[in-house]
């Protein structure tokens, strides 16, 4: 009669589970820039179906999502997450594309898009390709202009989030909204 050693069976199961995770031993330094971009795109494809609407009701989740989405863009990009009355995402629209150190943003276009899709709230977001998410004076001024434009139509600007590889800044959390 053959006896099974339970310890060996458990070890085999644990090893099998570990071998199913191809990423467990990877470190960011093991990846090229192209591979890092591919991993980020894969993470977005994995996360987006599970995030659904909740991502835009929690500041920290929103910041993480937007950082994954925009932090590695080579040029400045300005987007708006347009939300319904329950802060569920209607559309994440990339509205303006710029250069490595700037982007022209027009509050009129932000408001026009919000009206066209029936948004009741908006979260503005843009990246800093330099990696440093610290807001500039121009970032704060355009935030105020967008808020004023949206206020005319009773559309709330909930936040303006600046993302970089080094972190994420919420202008609402800083009191700069």
Protein backbone atom coordinates (compact mmCIF):
# COMPACT_ATOMS: atom_id res chain seq x y z
CA UNK A 1 0.00 0.00 0.00
CA UNK A 2 1.31 3.45 -0.99
CA UNK A 3 1.26 6.16 1.67
CA UNK A 4 0.98 9.83 0.72
CA UNK A 5 3.01 12.27 2.68
CA UNK A 6 0.69 15.24 3.30
CA UNK A 7 3.60 17.62 3.81
CA UNK A 8 4.89 16.83 0.30
CA UNK A 9 1.40 17.25 -1.17
CA UNK A 10 1.01 20.69 0.46
CA UNK A 11 4.43 21.75 -0.72
CA UNK A 12 3.53 20.69 -4.26
CA UNK A 13 0.28 22.68 -4.11
CA UNK A 14 2.06 25.78 -2.79
CA UNK A 15 4.73 25.48 -5.47
CA UNK A 16 2.04 25.02 -8.13
CA UNK A 17 0.23 28.16 -6.94
CA UNK A 18 3.48 30.14 -6.93
CA UNK A 19 4.33 28.96 -10.43
CA UNK A 20 0.95 30.27 -11.65
CA UNK A 21 2.05 33.83 -10.78
CA UNK A 22 4.53 34.76 -13.49
CA UNK A 23 4.93 38.25 -12.01
CA UNK A 24 5.64 37.36 -8.36
CA UNK A 25 9.40 37.67 -8.64
CA UNK A 26 9.54 40.62 -11.04
CA UNK A 27 10.85 43.98 -9.87
CA UNK A 28 10.41 47.28 -11.76
CA UNK A 29 14.16 47.30 -12.45
CA UNK A 30 13.77 44.00 -14.35
CA UNK A 31 11.65 45.73 -17.02
CA UNK A 32 12.56 47.98 -19.92
CA UNK A 33 10.57 51.19 -20.44
CA UNK A 34 8.56 49.48 -23.17
CA UNK A 35 7.77 46.54 -20.88
CA UNK A 36 6.74 48.95 -18.09
CA UNK A 37 4.30 50.63 -20.49
CA UNK A 38 2.93 47.22 -21.47
CA UNK A 39 2.44 46.24 -17.82
CA UNK A 40 0.58 49.51 -17.15
CA UNK A 41 -1.69 48.93 -20.14
CA UNK A 42 -2.33 45.36 -18.96
CA UNK A 43 -3.13 46.63 -15.44
CA UNK A 44 -5.64 49.09 -16.88
CA UNK A 45 -7.33 46.34 -18.89
CA UNK A 46 -7.51 44.17 -15.75
CA UNK A 47 -8.74 46.98 -13.47
CA UNK A 48 -11.24 48.80 -15.69
CA UNK A 49 -13.94 46.08 -15.77
CA UNK A 50 -13.79 45.66 -11.98
CA UNK A 51 -13.65 49.36 -11.11
CA UNK A 52 -16.95 50.29 -12.77
CA UNK A 53 -18.45 53.44 -11.26
CA UNK A 54 -16.90 53.35 -7.78
CA UNK A 55 -13.54 54.63 -8.99
CA UNK A 56 -14.83 58.20 -9.18
CA UNK A 57 -16.52 58.27 -5.77
CA UNK A 58 -13.31 57.73 -3.80
CA UNK A 59 -10.44 60.23 -4.07
CA UNK A 60 -7.63 57.73 -3.47
CA UNK A 61 -8.97 55.22 -6.02
CA UNK A 62 -9.46 58.02 -8.52
CA UNK A 63 -5.90 59.25 -8.02
CA UNK A 64 -4.46 55.73 -8.48
CA UNK A 65 -6.54 55.11 -11.61
CA UNK A 66 -5.56 58.43 -13.19
CA UNK A 67 -1.90 57.91 -12.32
CA UNK A 68 -1.94 54.52 -14.01
CA UNK A 69 -3.73 56.02 -16.99
CA UNK A 70 -1.65 59.17 -17.57
CA UNK A 71 1.64 59.21 -15.61
CA UNK A 72 3.81 57.76 -18.37
CA UNK A 73 2.50 59.90 -21.21
CA UNK A 74 5.50 61.53 -22.94
CA UNK A 75 3.65 64.83 -23.49
CA UNK A 76 1.25 66.79 -21.36
CA UNK A 77 -2.33 65.61 -21.73
CA UNK A 78 -5.46 67.20 -20.21
CA UNK A 79 -8.55 65.06 -19.64
CA UNK A 80 -11.88 65.30 -17.88
CA UNK A 81 -13.86 62.58 -16.19
CA UNK A 82 -17.47 63.58 -16.78
CA UNK A 83 -19.86 62.25 -14.15
CA UNK A 84 -23.61 61.89 -13.68
CA UNK A 85 -25.59 63.06 -10.63
CA UNK A 86 -24.38 60.02 -8.65
CA UNK A 87 -20.76 60.68 -9.67
CA UNK A 88 -20.72 57.67 -11.98
CA UNK A 89 -18.47 57.97 -14.98
CA UNK A 90 -20.15 58.98 -18.22
CA UNK A 91 -16.94 59.54 -20.16
CA UNK A 92 -13.22 60.03 -19.62
CA UNK A 93 -12.36 62.44 -22.42
CA UNK A 94 -8.82 63.36 -23.46
CA UNK A 95 -9.52 66.95 -24.49
CA UNK A 96 -6.12 68.57 -25.07
CA UNK A 97 -2.66 67.32 -26.01
CA UNK A 98 0.45 69.42 -25.50
CA UNK A 99 4.21 69.25 -25.45
CA UNK A 100 6.67 67.99 -22.86
CA UNK A 101 6.14 71.04 -20.65
CA UNK A 102 2.73 72.51 -21.39
CA UNK A 103 -0.74 72.18 -22.81
CA UNK A 104 -3.26 74.80 -23.93
CA UNK A 105 -6.55 74.23 -22.13
CA UNK A 106 -9.78 76.02 -23.04
CA UNK A 107 -12.50 76.13 -20.34
CA UNK A 108 -15.13 76.66 -23.06
CA UNK A 109 -14.35 73.24 -24.58
CA UNK A 110 -14.49 71.57 -21.14
CA UNK A 111 -17.95 73.10 -20.55
CA UNK A 112 -19.20 72.34 -24.09
CA UNK A 113 -18.36 68.65 -23.72
CA UNK A 114 -20.01 68.49 -20.29
CA UNK A 115 -23.21 70.00 -21.71
CA UNK A 116 -23.15 67.78 -24.80
CA UNK A 117 -23.12 64.57 -22.75
CA UNK A 118 -25.31 65.75 -19.87
CA UNK A 119 -22.67 65.69 -17.14
CA UNK A 120 -23.51 67.11 -13.73
CA UNK A 121 -19.96 66.98 -12.37
CA UNK A 122 -16.41 66.83 -13.64
CA UNK A 123 -12.95 65.83 -12.45
CA UNK A 124 -10.16 67.48 -14.43
CA UNK A 125 -6.84 65.68 -14.72
CA UNK A 126 -3.55 66.19 -16.43
CA UNK A 127 -0.06 64.79 -16.31
CA UNK A 128 3.33 66.32 -15.80
CA UNK A 129 5.76 64.42 -18.06
CA UNK A 130 8.64 65.61 -15.85
CA UNK A 131 7.30 63.22 -13.20
CA UNK A 132 6.82 65.94 -10.54
CA UNK A 133 3.08 66.42 -9.89
CA UNK A 134 3.46 69.75 -8.07
CA UNK A 135 0.93 72.25 -9.46
CA UNK A 136 2.18 75.39 -11.15
CA UNK A 137 0.55 78.80 -10.87
CA UNK A 138 -0.85 78.23 -14.37
CA UNK A 139 -2.40 74.91 -13.21
CA UNK A 140 -4.20 76.67 -10.37
CA UNK A 141 -5.35 79.57 -12.60
CA UNK A 142 -6.80 77.26 -15.28
CA UNK A 143 -8.54 75.25 -12.58
CA UNK A 144 -10.30 78.41 -11.35
CA UNK A 145 -11.27 79.37 -14.90
CA UNK A 146 -12.70 75.89 -15.58
CA UNK A 147 -14.61 75.97 -12.29
CA UNK A 148 -16.07 79.39 -13.18
CA UNK A 149 -17.09 78.20 -16.67
CA UNK A 150 -18.76 75.05 -15.33
CA UNK A 151 -20.47 77.00 -12.51
CA UNK A 152 -22.42 78.96 -15.16
CA UNK A 153 -24.19 75.71 -16.06
CA UNK A 154 -24.49 74.26 -12.53
CA UNK A 155 -21.84 71.63 -13.29
CA UNK A 156 -19.57 70.97 -10.32
CA UNK A 157 -15.81 70.71 -10.69
CA UNK A 158 -15.04 68.14 -8.00
CA UNK A 159 -11.27 68.08 -8.35
CA UNK A 160 -8.29 68.71 -10.59
CA UNK A 161 -5.79 65.90 -10.25
CA UNK A 162 -2.21 66.23 -11.45
CA UNK A 163 -0.32 63.01 -12.03
CA UNK A 164 3.33 62.22 -12.46
CA UNK A 165 5.55 59.19 -12.04
CA UNK A 166 6.61 60.60 -8.64
CA UNK A 167 3.08 60.93 -7.26
CA UNK A 168 -0.36 62.47 -7.55
CA UNK A 169 -1.71 65.81 -6.31
CA UNK A 170 -5.38 66.64 -5.70
CA UNK A 171 -6.01 70.37 -5.94
CA UNK A 172 -9.25 69.93 -3.97
CA UNK A 173 -7.33 68.29 -1.11
CA UNK A 174 -4.86 71.21 -1.16
CA UNK A 175 -7.70 73.75 -1.05
CA UNK A 176 -6.79 75.12 -4.49
CA UNK A 177 -10.10 74.37 -6.17
